[in-house]
Amino acid sequence: MKTTLTRFAALASLALTLSFLPSASAQAPADKPKLATASASFQEIFEKSLAEKKGITLYVGGQAIAGGVTRIGTDVVELRSQELARIVVRIDRIDGVAAH
């Protein structure tokens, strides 16, 4: 009788533990929107800044570079600011972009 109760308690404990584990469907819902790649997101912000003549801030190596986009190349973006007439930044060096 004692081994039956011990077995029952062990099974009940296991069942209780398993009931609190998250299910696989709760971890990765299928309808969750996917994020675009960084370069695609950067490109979108560059094009919007160029079209609307609005400023952006680039974050490169811990530095903030503010300006308006004047040209977009395949691997560089060119900005201008009140202080500088021409700023050329390699897109692969950009850590982040903020649109104003």
N, C-alpha and C. Protein backbone atom coordinates (compact mmCIF):
# COMPACT_ATOMS: atom_id res chain seq x y z
N MET A 1 0.82 -1.18 0.00
CA MET A 1 0.00 0.00 0.00
C MET A 1 0.87 1.25 0.00
N LYS A 2 1.99 1.22 0.75
CA LYS A 2 2.86 2.38 0.85
C LYS A 2 3.52 2.67 -0.49
N THR A 3 3.94 1.64 -1.25
CA THR A 3 4.56 1.87 -2.56
C THR A 3 3.54 2.39 -3.55
N THR A 4 2.30 1.99 -3.46
CA THR A 4 1.25 2.50 -4.34
C THR A 4 1.03 3.99 -4.10
N LEU A 5 1.01 4.39 -2.82
CA LEU A 5 0.84 5.81 -2.49
C LEU A 5 2.05 6.62 -2.94
N THR A 6 3.24 6.05 -2.78
CA THR A 6 4.46 6.73 -3.20
C THR A 6 4.46 6.92 -4.71
N ARG A 7 4.07 5.88 -5.45
CA ARG A 7 3.99 5.96 -6.91
C ARG A 7 2.95 6.99 -7.34
N PHE A 8 1.81 6.96 -6.69
CA PHE A 8 0.74 7.90 -7.01
C PHE A 8 1.19 9.35 -6.76
N ALA A 9 1.88 9.56 -5.65
CA ALA A 9 2.37 10.90 -5.32
C ALA A 9 3.41 11.35 -6.35
N ALA A 10 4.27 10.46 -6.78
CA ALA A 10 5.28 10.80 -7.77
C ALA A 10 4.64 11.14 -9.10
N LEU A 11 3.64 10.36 -9.53
CA LEU A 11 2.93 10.62 -10.78
C LEU A 11 2.15 11.94 -10.71
N ALA A 12 1.52 12.19 -9.58
CA ALA A 12 0.77 13.44 -9.40
C ALA A 12 1.72 14.64 -9.45
N SER A 13 2.87 14.48 -8.82
CA SER A 13 3.86 15.55 -8.83
C SER A 13 4.37 15.81 -10.25
N LEU A 14 4.63 14.76 -11.02
CA LEU A 14 5.07 14.89 -12.39
C LEU A 14 4.00 15.55 -13.26
N ALA A 15 2.77 15.14 -13.09
CA ALA A 15 1.66 15.71 -13.86
C ALA A 15 1.50 17.20 -13.55
N LEU A 16 1.62 17.54 -12.29
CA LEU A 16 1.50 18.94 -11.89
C LEU A 16 2.65 19.77 -12.47
N THR A 17 3.84 19.23 -12.45
CA THR A 17 5.00 19.93 -13.02
C THR A 17 4.83 20.14 -14.52
N LEU A 18 4.39 19.11 -15.23
CA LEU A 18 4.21 19.21 -16.68
C LEU A 18 3.09 20.17 -17.05
N SER A 19 2.09 20.32 -16.19
CA SER A 19 0.99 21.22 -16.52
C SER A 19 1.42 22.69 -16.50
N PHE A 20 2.52 23.00 -15.80
CA PHE A 20 2.99 24.37 -15.75
C PHE A 20 4.00 24.71 -16.84
N LEU A 21 4.48 23.72 -17.60
CA LEU A 21 5.41 23.98 -18.69
C LEU A 21 4.66 24.63 -19.85
N PRO A 22 5.25 25.64 -20.51
CA PRO A 22 4.58 26.27 -21.65
C PRO A 22 4.52 25.31 -22.82
N SER A 23 3.45 25.38 -23.56
CA SER A 23 3.31 24.50 -24.72
C SER A 23 4.11 25.08 -25.87
N ALA A 24 4.37 24.28 -26.88
CA ALA A 24 5.16 24.73 -28.04
C ALA A 24 4.42 25.82 -28.80
N SER A 25 3.09 25.74 -28.86
CA SER A 25 2.34 26.74 -29.61
C SER A 25 2.36 28.09 -28.90
N ALA A 26 2.49 28.10 -27.59
CA ALA A 26 2.54 29.37 -26.87
C ALA A 26 3.90 30.05 -27.05
N GLN A 27 4.93 29.28 -27.35
CA GLN A 27 6.26 29.86 -27.50
C GLN A 27 6.44 30.56 -28.84
N ALA A 28 5.88 30.05 -29.90
CA ALA A 28 6.08 30.62 -31.23
C ALA A 28 4.77 30.68 -31.99
N PRO A 29 3.93 31.71 -31.76
CA PRO A 29 2.67 31.79 -32.49
C PRO A 29 2.92 32.03 -33.98
N ALA A 30 2.12 31.39 -34.81
CA ALA A 30 2.30 31.47 -36.24
C ALA A 30 1.94 32.84 -36.80
N ASP A 31 1.03 33.57 -36.15
CA ASP A 31 0.57 34.84 -36.68
C ASP A 31 1.41 36.03 -36.21
N LYS A 32 2.53 35.78 -35.56
CA LYS A 32 3.40 36.85 -35.07
C LYS A 32 4.08 37.50 -36.27
N PRO A 33 4.02 38.85 -36.38
CA PRO A 33 4.64 39.50 -37.54
C PRO A 33 6.16 39.40 -37.49
N LYS A 34 6.74 39.23 -38.65
CA LYS A 34 8.20 39.12 -38.75
C LYS A 34 8.80 40.51 -38.93
N LEU A 35 9.98 40.72 -38.36
CA LEU A 35 10.69 41.98 -38.52
C LEU A 35 11.48 41.96 -39.82
N ALA A 36 11.55 43.12 -40.45
CA ALA A 36 12.36 43.26 -41.66
C ALA A 36 13.83 43.25 -41.27
N THR A 37 14.68 43.03 -42.23
CA THR A 37 16.11 43.09 -41.95
C THR A 37 16.50 44.53 -41.66
N ALA A 38 17.61 44.71 -40.99
CA ALA A 38 18.05 46.06 -40.63
C ALA A 38 18.28 46.91 -41.87
N SER A 39 18.94 46.35 -42.88
CA SER A 39 19.23 47.14 -44.07
C SER A 39 17.97 47.54 -44.81
N ALA A 40 16.94 46.68 -44.82
CA ALA A 40 15.67 47.02 -45.46
C ALA A 40 14.96 48.12 -44.68
N SER A 41 15.02 48.06 -43.37
CA SER A 41 14.42 49.11 -42.54
C SER A 41 15.17 50.42 -42.71
N PHE A 42 16.49 50.36 -42.74
CA PHE A 42 17.29 51.56 -42.96
C PHE A 42 16.94 52.18 -44.31
N GLN A 43 16.87 51.36 -45.33
CA GLN A 43 16.58 51.83 -46.69
C GLN A 43 15.22 52.55 -46.73
N GLU A 44 14.25 51.99 -46.05
CA GLU A 44 12.92 52.60 -45.99
C GLU A 44 12.97 54.00 -45.35
N ILE A 45 13.71 54.12 -44.27
CA ILE A 45 13.84 55.42 -43.59
C ILE A 45 14.62 56.40 -44.46
N PHE A 46 15.67 55.94 -45.15
CA PHE A 46 16.45 56.81 -46.03
C PHE A 46 15.56 57.36 -47.14
N GLU A 47 14.78 56.50 -47.78
CA GLU A 47 13.92 56.92 -48.89
C GLU A 47 12.85 57.90 -48.43
N LYS A 48 12.29 57.66 -47.25
CA LYS A 48 11.28 58.58 -46.72
C LYS A 48 11.90 59.94 -46.40
N SER A 49 13.09 59.95 -45.83
CA SER A 49 13.78 61.20 -45.52
C SER A 49 14.10 61.97 -46.80
N LEU A 50 14.53 61.28 -47.83
CA LEU A 50 14.86 61.90 -49.11
C LEU A 50 13.62 62.50 -49.76
N ALA A 51 12.52 61.75 -49.75
CA ALA A 51 11.29 62.20 -50.40
C ALA A 51 10.62 63.35 -49.65
N GLU A 52 10.59 63.27 -48.32
CA GLU A 52 9.88 64.27 -47.52
C GLU A 52 10.77 65.40 -47.01
N LYS A 53 12.07 65.33 -47.35
CA LYS A 53 13.03 66.35 -46.90
C LYS A 53 13.03 66.51 -45.38
N LYS A 54 12.94 65.38 -44.68
CA LYS A 54 12.98 65.38 -43.21
C LYS A 54 14.31 64.81 -42.75
N GLY A 55 14.74 65.24 -41.58
CA GLY A 55 16.02 64.81 -41.05
C GLY A 55 15.97 63.44 -40.40
N ILE A 56 17.14 62.84 -40.29
CA ILE A 56 17.31 61.56 -39.59
C ILE A 56 18.56 61.68 -38.73
N THR A 57 18.69 60.73 -37.81
CA THR A 57 19.92 60.62 -37.02
C THR A 57 20.46 59.21 -37.23
N LEU A 58 21.72 59.13 -37.63
CA LEU A 58 22.40 57.84 -37.78
C LEU A 58 23.24 57.61 -36.54
N TYR A 59 23.26 56.38 -36.07
CA TYR A 59 24.09 56.00 -34.94
C TYR A 59 25.18 55.07 -35.47
N VAL A 60 26.41 55.57 -35.42
CA VAL A 60 27.55 54.86 -36.00
C VAL A 60 28.67 54.81 -34.96
N GLY A 61 29.01 53.63 -34.51
CA GLY A 61 30.13 53.47 -33.57
C GLY A 61 30.00 54.31 -32.31
N GLY A 62 28.80 54.43 -31.79
CA GLY A 62 28.58 55.18 -30.56
C GLY A 62 28.41 56.68 -30.77
N GLN A 63 28.47 57.14 -32.01
CA GLN A 63 28.30 58.55 -32.33
C GLN A 63 26.97 58.77 -33.04
N ALA A 64 26.37 59.94 -32.82
CA ALA A 64 25.12 60.31 -33.48
C ALA A 64 25.44 61.32 -34.58
N ILE A 65 24.94 61.05 -35.79
CA ILE A 65 25.15 61.93 -36.93
C ILE A 65 23.78 62.34 -37.45
N ALA A 66 23.45 63.62 -37.33
CA ALA A 66 22.14 64.11 -37.75
C ALA A 66 22.26 64.84 -39.08
N GLY A 67 21.24 64.69 -39.92
CA GLY A 67 21.22 65.39 -41.19
C GLY A 67 20.06 64.94 -42.04
N GLY A 68 19.96 65.54 -43.21
CA GLY A 68 18.94 65.16 -44.18
C GLY A 68 19.57 64.36 -45.30
N VAL A 69 18.87 63.34 -45.77
CA VAL A 69 19.40 62.47 -46.83
C VAL A 69 19.38 63.23 -48.15
N THR A 70 20.52 63.24 -48.86
CA THR A 70 20.60 63.87 -50.17
C THR A 70 20.76 62.85 -51.29
N ARG A 71 21.38 61.70 -50.99
CA ARG A 71 21.54 60.62 -51.97
C ARG A 71 21.61 59.28 -51.25
N ILE A 72 21.15 58.24 -51.96
CA ILE A 72 21.22 56.88 -51.43
C ILE A 72 21.95 56.03 -52.46
N GLY A 73 23.08 55.47 -52.07
CA GLY A 73 23.83 54.59 -52.95
C GLY A 73 23.58 53.13 -52.58
N THR A 74 24.27 52.24 -53.24
CA THR A 74 24.11 50.82 -52.94
C THR A 74 24.73 50.45 -51.60
N ASP A 75 25.84 51.11 -51.25
CA ASP A 75 26.51 50.79 -49.99
C ASP A 75 26.76 52.01 -49.11
N VAL A 76 26.34 53.21 -49.56
CA VAL A 76 26.52 54.43 -48.76
C VAL A 76 25.24 55.27 -48.79
N VAL A 77 25.11 56.12 -47.78
CA VAL A 77 24.06 57.13 -47.76
C VAL A 77 24.74 58.47 -47.53
N GLU A 78 24.28 59.47 -48.27
CA GLU A 78 24.87 60.80 -48.16
C GLU A 78 23.87 61.74 -47.49
N LEU A 79 24.38 62.48 -46.50
CA LEU A 79 23.56 63.43 -45.75
C LEU A 79 24.14 64.82 -45.87
N ARG A 80 23.37 65.81 -45.47
CA ARG A 80 23.89 67.16 -45.29
C ARG A 80 23.27 67.69 -44.01
N SER A 81 23.99 68.59 -43.38
CA SER A 81 23.50 69.20 -42.15
C SER A 81 23.78 70.69 -42.19
N GLN A 82 23.38 71.40 -41.15
CA GLN A 82 23.66 72.84 -41.10
C GLN A 82 25.16 73.11 -40.98
N GLU A 83 25.86 72.20 -40.32
CA GLU A 83 27.30 72.39 -40.12
C GLU A 83 28.13 71.88 -41.28
N LEU A 84 27.69 70.79 -41.90
CA LEU A 84 28.49 70.14 -42.94
C LEU A 84 27.69 70.01 -44.23
N ALA A 85 28.35 70.30 -45.35
CA ALA A 85 27.69 70.24 -46.65
C ALA A 85 27.51 68.81 -47.15
N ARG A 86 28.43 67.93 -46.78
CA ARG A 86 28.37 66.57 -47.30
C ARG A 86 28.89 65.58 -46.26
N ILE A 87 28.05 64.61 -45.93
CA ILE A 87 28.43 63.55 -44.99
C ILE A 87 28.13 62.23 -45.70
N VAL A 88 29.12 61.39 -45.86
CA VAL A 88 28.95 60.09 -46.53
C VAL A 88 29.22 59.00 -45.49
N VAL A 89 28.24 58.10 -45.32
CA VAL A 89 28.34 57.04 -44.32
C VAL A 89 28.10 55.69 -44.99
N ARG A 90 28.97 54.73 -44.72
CA ARG A 90 28.76 53.36 -45.23
C ARG A 90 27.58 52.73 -44.50
N ILE A 91 26.67 52.16 -45.23
CA ILE A 91 25.45 51.58 -44.65
C ILE A 91 25.79 50.41 -43.74
N ASP A 92 26.81 49.62 -44.08
CA ASP A 92 27.15 48.45 -43.24
C ASP A 92 27.76 48.84 -41.90
N ARG A 93 28.12 50.11 -41.72
CA ARG A 93 28.69 50.58 -40.44
C ARG A 93 27.63 51.17 -39.51
N ILE A 94 26.41 51.34 -40.01
CA ILE A 94 25.35 51.99 -39.24
C ILE A 94 24.78 51.02 -38.21
N ASP A 95 24.73 51.48 -36.94
CA ASP A 95 24.15 50.68 -35.87
C ASP A 95 22.65 50.90 -35.73
N GLY A 96 22.21 52.11 -36.00
CA GLY A 96 20.79 52.44 -35.86
C GLY A 96 20.45 53.72 -36.60
N VAL A 97 19.15 53.90 -36.87
CA VAL A 97 18.65 55.08 -37.56
C VAL A 97 17.39 55.55 -36.84
N ALA A 98 17.30 56.87 -36.64
CA ALA A 98 16.09 57.46 -36.06
C ALA A 98 15.55 58.50 -37.03
N ALA A 99 14.27 58.42 -37.32
CA ALA A 99 13.63 59.39 -38.21
C ALA A 99 13.02 60.50 -37.36
N HIS A 100 13.16 61.75 -37.84
CA HIS A 100 12.60 62.90 -37.11
C HIS A 100 11.22 63.20 -37.59
